[in-house]
Amino acid sequence: MELTVKNLRAGYGKNDVLKGIDLVIRPGEKVFIGGSNGSGKTTLLRVLAGIIPHEGEVLINGTEVSSMKRKDVARLIALMPQTSDLYFPYTVSETVLLGTYASSGSGIFGSKAADMEYAAKCMEDCGISGLSDRHLDELSGGQLQRVLLARTFAQRTPFLFLDEPGNNLDIKYRAELCDKLNKWCSGKTGDIDNTLVAVFHDLEQAKRCCTRAVMLKDGKVIFDGDIIDGMRRENLLKVYDFDVVSYIDNTLSL
C-alpha cells in the first residue's frame, strides 16, 4: 500500500507550514522525518493522517485521504501524537482499548473479548500491565508515553505515524521501543506490509529505527534518501544550521 504526496501545501490559518512537498512512501519502509523545531514535521504527520486540510494531493493507493471516511483512514493509519496533545481522564486500560475501536467498531463500553485480549497484549508488550487501573493524570511522562504507544499498536493498522515516540522514555525503554518497531516493521497487518513514519529528535534512535530519512527545513524537503547519508555532517548542518556531529561527539566524551 503506497502513500503518495504531490505538491502538498498545508498550515494553520493563512500561514503555510508545508510548501510544495513531494513524497512517495512505499510499503514496508521505515521513514524518519527530521528537522528543527517549526520545520513542519508534526504538520506533515497530521496531513498524511487526514487530520488537517491541505492543498495538493495525499493519496493512499490512489485515493485522496481527504475524501475518505474518518473511520476508513483510522483502519489504515494510527497516529501517535506528542503527549502534550492528550487531556482526557480515562484509565490506562480504557485508553488502550480505545485503540481497538477503529478496527472493531466496538468502543470501550461494548468491547468484544478479542479486543480486550488484544489491548491487554499491547499493554504487556509496552510494560504497562500493572498500570491498567491508573488514570492518565496519575502517570509519569514516561508511563504516559508507553500508554500512547500501546494504544497506537492496539489500533492494528499497516501505517504507524509516530510523533516523538521516545519522549520521556529512559534509555532502557528507548532501546526496547526500537526493537519493537523493527519487529513490527518486518511483518504485515492483514496482507499489507507494515510501514513506519516517525519524527525523532534523538538521531541515534532514528538510525536504529529507520532506514530512510526525509529532512525538512522551512516547510520543504531538503534531503530524502538513505538515513546513513542523511546523518552525514554536511547534511545535518544544512538541516539544523548547527554542527550536530561535533555536539554529539563532545556530549559522549563528557
Protein backbone atom coordinates (compact mmCIF):
# COMPACT_ATOMS: atom_id res chain seq x y z
CA MET A 1 0.00 0.00 0.00
CA GLU A 2 1.68 3.19 -1.23
CA LEU A 3 1.34 6.72 0.14
CA THR A 4 1.91 9.44 -2.45
CA VAL A 5 2.20 13.16 -1.77
CA LYS A 6 2.15 15.68 -4.63
CA ASN A 7 2.75 19.43 -4.33
CA LEU A 8 1.49 19.42 -0.74
CA ARG A 9 0.81 22.73 0.94
CA ALA A 10 -0.72 22.99 4.41
CA GLY A 11 -0.68 25.09 7.53
CA TYR A 12 -2.79 26.92 10.05
CA GLY A 13 -4.93 29.93 9.17
CA LYS A 14 -3.29 31.87 6.37
CA ASN A 15 0.22 30.64 7.14
CA ASP A 16 1.60 27.75 5.08
CA VAL A 17 3.87 25.49 7.11
CA LEU A 18 4.42 22.94 4.32
CA LYS A 19 5.35 24.42 0.94
CA GLY A 20 5.24 22.10 -2.03
CA ILE A 21 6.12 18.67 -0.59
CA ASP A 22 6.51 15.69 -2.95
CA LEU A 23 6.97 12.21 -1.43
CA VAL A 24 6.34 8.57 -2.14
CA ILE A 25 6.31 6.23 0.87
CA ARG A 26 6.35 2.59 -0.20
CA PRO A 27 5.06 -0.47 1.65
CA GLY A 28 7.40 -1.72 4.36
CA GLU A 29 9.53 1.41 4.57
CA LYS A 30 10.84 2.85 7.83
CA VAL A 31 10.94 6.62 7.34
CA PHE A 32 12.48 9.16 9.70
CA ILE A 33 11.08 12.69 9.47
CA GLY A 34 13.75 15.13 10.68
CA GLY A 35 14.21 18.85 11.02
CA SER A 36 14.45 21.62 13.56
CA ASN A 37 11.51 22.99 15.55
CA GLY A 38 8.97 24.67 13.27
CA SER A 39 10.16 22.92 10.12
CA GLY A 40 6.79 21.19 9.59
CA LYS A 41 7.35 17.66 10.91
CA THR A 42 4.23 17.38 13.07
CA THR A 43 2.14 19.19 10.47
CA LEU A 44 3.26 16.68 7.85
CA LEU A 45 2.19 13.72 10.01
CA ARG A 46 -1.20 15.31 10.66
CA VAL A 47 -1.79 15.98 6.98
CA LEU A 48 -0.79 12.44 5.99
CA ALA A 49 -3.25 11.12 8.58
CA GLY A 50 -6.04 13.27 7.13
CA ILE A 51 -6.43 15.35 10.29
CA ILE A 52 -5.85 18.84 8.88
CA PRO A 53 -6.80 20.17 5.42
CA HIS A 54 -4.31 20.59 2.63
CA GLU A 55 -3.76 21.70 -0.93
CA GLY A 56 -2.21 19.30 -3.43
CA GLU A 57 -2.65 15.54 -3.15
CA VAL A 58 -2.23 12.95 -0.39
CA LEU A 59 -3.09 9.58 -1.91
CA ILE A 60 -3.38 6.20 -0.21
CA ASN A 61 -3.21 3.65 -3.01
CA GLY A 62 -4.52 6.32 -5.37
CA THR A 63 -7.37 7.54 -3.14
CA GLU A 64 -7.26 11.08 -1.77
CA VAL A 65 -7.15 10.88 2.03
CA SER A 66 -9.44 13.88 2.47
CA SER A 67 -12.20 12.09 0.51
CA MET A 68 -12.09 9.02 2.77
CA LYS A 69 -14.31 8.47 5.78
CA ARG A 70 -12.50 9.12 9.06
CA LYS A 71 -13.04 5.55 10.22
CA ASP A 72 -11.63 4.12 6.97
CA VAL A 73 -8.49 6.22 7.43
CA ALA A 74 -8.23 5.05 11.04
CA ARG A 75 -8.22 1.43 9.86
CA LEU A 76 -5.09 2.17 7.81
CA ILE A 77 -3.23 4.82 9.81
CA ALA A 78 -2.54 5.09 13.54
CA LEU A 79 -1.10 8.44 14.61
CA MET A 80 0.59 8.73 17.98
CA PRO A 81 0.73 12.41 18.99
CA GLN A 82 3.10 14.02 21.41
CA THR A 83 1.97 13.53 25.00
CA SER A 84 1.09 17.20 25.38
CA ASP A 85 -1.81 16.64 22.98
CA LEU A 86 -3.63 14.37 25.44
CA TYR A 87 -6.10 15.64 28.03
CA PHE A 88 -8.90 13.06 28.62
CA PRO A 89 -9.22 11.43 32.07
CA TYR A 90 -9.53 7.72 31.17
CA THR A 91 -7.77 4.84 32.87
CA VAL A 92 -4.83 3.15 31.17
CA SER A 93 -6.87 0.10 30.14
CA GLU A 94 -9.69 2.28 28.76
CA THR A 95 -7.20 4.36 26.79
CA VAL A 96 -5.51 1.36 25.19
CA LEU A 97 -8.87 -0.26 24.48
CA LEU A 98 -9.88 2.86 22.53
CA GLY A 99 -7.17 1.92 20.05
CA THR A 100 -9.12 -1.20 19.03
CA TYR A 101 -12.22 0.82 18.12
CA ALA A 102 -11.12 1.68 14.57
CA SER A 103 -10.70 -1.95 13.59
CA SER A 104 -13.63 -3.43 15.50
CA GLY A 105 -16.11 -0.60 15.98
CA SER A 106 -16.93 -1.84 19.47
CA GLY A 107 -15.87 1.08 21.66
CA ILE A 108 -14.79 0.79 25.27
CA PHE A 109 -18.28 0.18 26.65
CA GLY A 110 -19.16 -2.60 24.23
CA SER A 111 -15.80 -4.18 23.59
CA LYS A 112 -15.54 -7.73 22.36
CA ALA A 113 -13.48 -10.23 24.31
CA ALA A 114 -10.98 -10.43 21.44
CA ASP A 115 -10.45 -6.65 21.53
CA MET A 116 -9.91 -6.69 25.28
CA GLU A 117 -7.44 -9.55 24.94
CA TYR A 118 -5.51 -7.74 22.22
CA ALA A 119 -5.45 -4.50 24.24
CA ALA A 120 -4.09 -6.47 27.21
CA LYS A 121 -1.35 -7.90 24.96
CA CYS A 122 -0.37 -4.40 23.79
CA MET A 123 -0.18 -3.23 27.42
CA GLU A 124 2.02 -6.20 28.30
CA ASP A 125 4.27 -5.57 25.28
CA CYS A 126 4.73 -1.94 26.37
CA GLY A 127 5.33 -2.82 30.02
CA ILE A 128 2.24 -1.14 31.47
CA SER A 129 0.04 -4.07 32.53
CA GLY A 130 0.49 -3.12 36.17
CA LEU A 131 -0.91 0.35 35.48
CA SER A 132 -4.21 -0.78 33.95
CA ASP A 133 -6.47 0.84 36.58
CA ARG A 134 -4.48 4.06 36.95
CA HIS A 135 -5.82 7.30 35.45
CA LEU A 136 -3.70 9.16 32.92
CA ASP A 137 -3.25 12.17 35.18
CA GLU A 138 -1.61 9.90 37.76
CA LEU A 139 1.20 8.79 35.44
CA SER A 140 4.73 9.99 34.89
CA GLY A 141 5.70 11.29 31.47
CA GLY A 142 7.44 8.04 30.57
CA GLN A 143 4.49 5.92 31.70
CA LEU A 144 2.08 8.06 29.69
CA GLN A 145 4.27 7.71 26.62
CA ARG A 146 4.14 3.92 26.87
CA VAL A 147 0.34 4.08 27.22
CA LEU A 148 0.16 6.09 23.99
CA LEU A 149 2.37 3.53 22.26
CA ALA A 150 0.20 0.66 23.46
CA ARG A 151 -2.94 2.44 22.25
CA THR A 152 -1.31 3.05 18.86
CA PHE A 153 -0.35 -0.61 18.42
CA ALA A 154 -3.84 -1.64 19.57
CA GLN A 155 -5.29 0.15 16.53
CA ARG A 156 -3.85 -2.62 14.31
CA THR A 157 -3.07 -0.55 11.22
CA PRO A 158 -0.46 -1.08 8.48
CA PHE A 159 0.77 2.52 8.86
CA LEU A 160 2.22 3.87 12.12
CA PHE A 161 2.81 7.63 12.30
CA LEU A 162 4.72 8.42 15.49
CA ASP A 163 5.46 11.95 16.73
CA GLU A 164 8.43 11.81 19.11
CA PRO A 165 7.73 8.30 20.44
CA GLY A 166 10.88 8.38 22.56
CA ASN A 167 9.80 11.45 24.56
CA ASN A 168 10.21 10.95 28.32
CA LEU A 169 11.45 7.36 27.90
CA ASP A 170 14.62 6.29 29.69
CA ILE A 171 17.41 4.57 27.79
CA LYS A 172 16.06 1.07 28.51
CA TYR A 173 12.61 1.80 27.12
CA ARG A 174 14.04 3.68 24.14
CA ALA A 175 16.05 0.61 23.21
CA GLU A 176 13.00 -1.62 23.69
CA LEU A 177 10.92 0.74 21.55
CA CYS A 178 13.38 0.46 18.66
CA ASP A 179 13.39 -3.33 18.92
CA LYS A 180 9.59 -3.40 18.96
CA LEU A 181 9.28 -1.06 15.97
CA ASN A 182 11.81 -3.04 13.93
CA LYS A 183 9.99 -6.28 14.70
CA TRP A 184 6.63 -4.72 13.80
CA CYS A 185 8.00 -3.32 10.53
CA SER A 186 9.18 -6.75 9.44
CA GLY A 187 5.60 -8.03 9.49
CA LYS A 188 2.21 -7.37 7.93
CA THR A 189 -1.21 -6.20 9.04
CA GLY A 190 -3.57 -8.49 7.18
CA ASP A 191 -1.87 -8.79 3.80
CA ILE A 192 -0.35 -5.27 3.87
CA ASP A 193 3.33 -4.66 4.67
CA ASN A 194 3.76 -2.57 7.83
CA THR A 195 5.12 0.94 7.23
CA LEU A 196 6.61 3.33 9.79
CA VAL A 197 6.82 7.13 9.52
CA ALA A 198 8.29 8.70 12.66
CA VAL A 199 9.56 12.02 13.97
CA PHE A 200 12.57 11.80 16.28
CA HIS A 201 14.78 14.44 17.90
CA ASP A 202 17.16 11.70 19.03
CA LEU A 203 19.15 11.00 15.87
CA GLU A 204 20.75 7.84 17.24
CA GLN A 205 17.29 6.42 17.93
CA ALA A 206 16.19 7.43 14.43
CA LYS A 207 19.09 5.46 12.95
CA ARG A 208 18.17 2.39 14.99
CA CYS A 209 14.52 2.51 13.95
CA CYS A 210 14.57 3.82 10.37
CA THR A 211 16.37 3.25 7.06
CA ARG A 212 15.22 6.33 5.13
CA ALA A 213 15.44 9.99 6.13
CA VAL A 214 13.20 12.81 4.93
CA MET A 215 14.60 16.09 6.24
CA LEU A 216 12.52 19.27 6.33
CA LYS A 217 13.58 22.88 6.55
CA ASP A 218 11.23 25.85 6.34
CA GLY A 219 8.44 23.55 5.19
CA LYS A 220 10.36 21.99 2.30
CA VAL A 221 12.17 18.70 1.79
CA ILE A 222 15.90 19.34 1.59
CA PHE A 223 17.04 15.71 1.87
CA ASP A 224 15.36 12.42 1.01
CA GLY A 225 17.41 9.27 0.94
CA ASP A 226 19.28 6.62 2.92
CA ILE A 227 19.40 7.55 6.59
CA ILE A 228 23.17 6.96 6.81
CA ASP A 229 23.71 9.59 4.11
CA GLY A 230 21.20 11.88 5.79
CA MET A 231 23.20 11.74 9.02
CA ARG A 232 26.42 12.93 7.41
CA ARG A 233 27.83 16.10 8.94
CA GLU A 234 27.24 18.27 5.87
CA ASN A 235 23.60 17.25 5.55
CA LEU A 236 22.84 17.73 9.24
CA LEU A 237 24.47 21.16 9.08
CA LYS A 238 22.11 22.16 6.26
CA VAL A 239 19.09 20.87 8.13
CA TYR A 240 19.80 22.20 11.62
CA ASP A 241 22.21 25.12 10.93
CA PHE A 242 24.34 23.57 13.63
CA ASP A 243 27.27 21.14 13.84
CA VAL A 244 25.25 18.25 15.27
CA VAL A 245 28.03 15.67 14.88
CA SER A 246 30.54 17.68 16.93
CA TYR A 247 27.91 18.32 19.60
CA ILE A 248 27.09 14.61 19.90
CA ASP A 249 30.78 13.65 19.97
CA ASN A 250 31.52 16.22 22.71
CA THR A 251 28.50 15.11 24.73
CA LEU A 252 29.54 11.46 24.60
CA SER A 253 33.08 12.31 25.70
CA LEU A 254 31.92 14.06 28.89
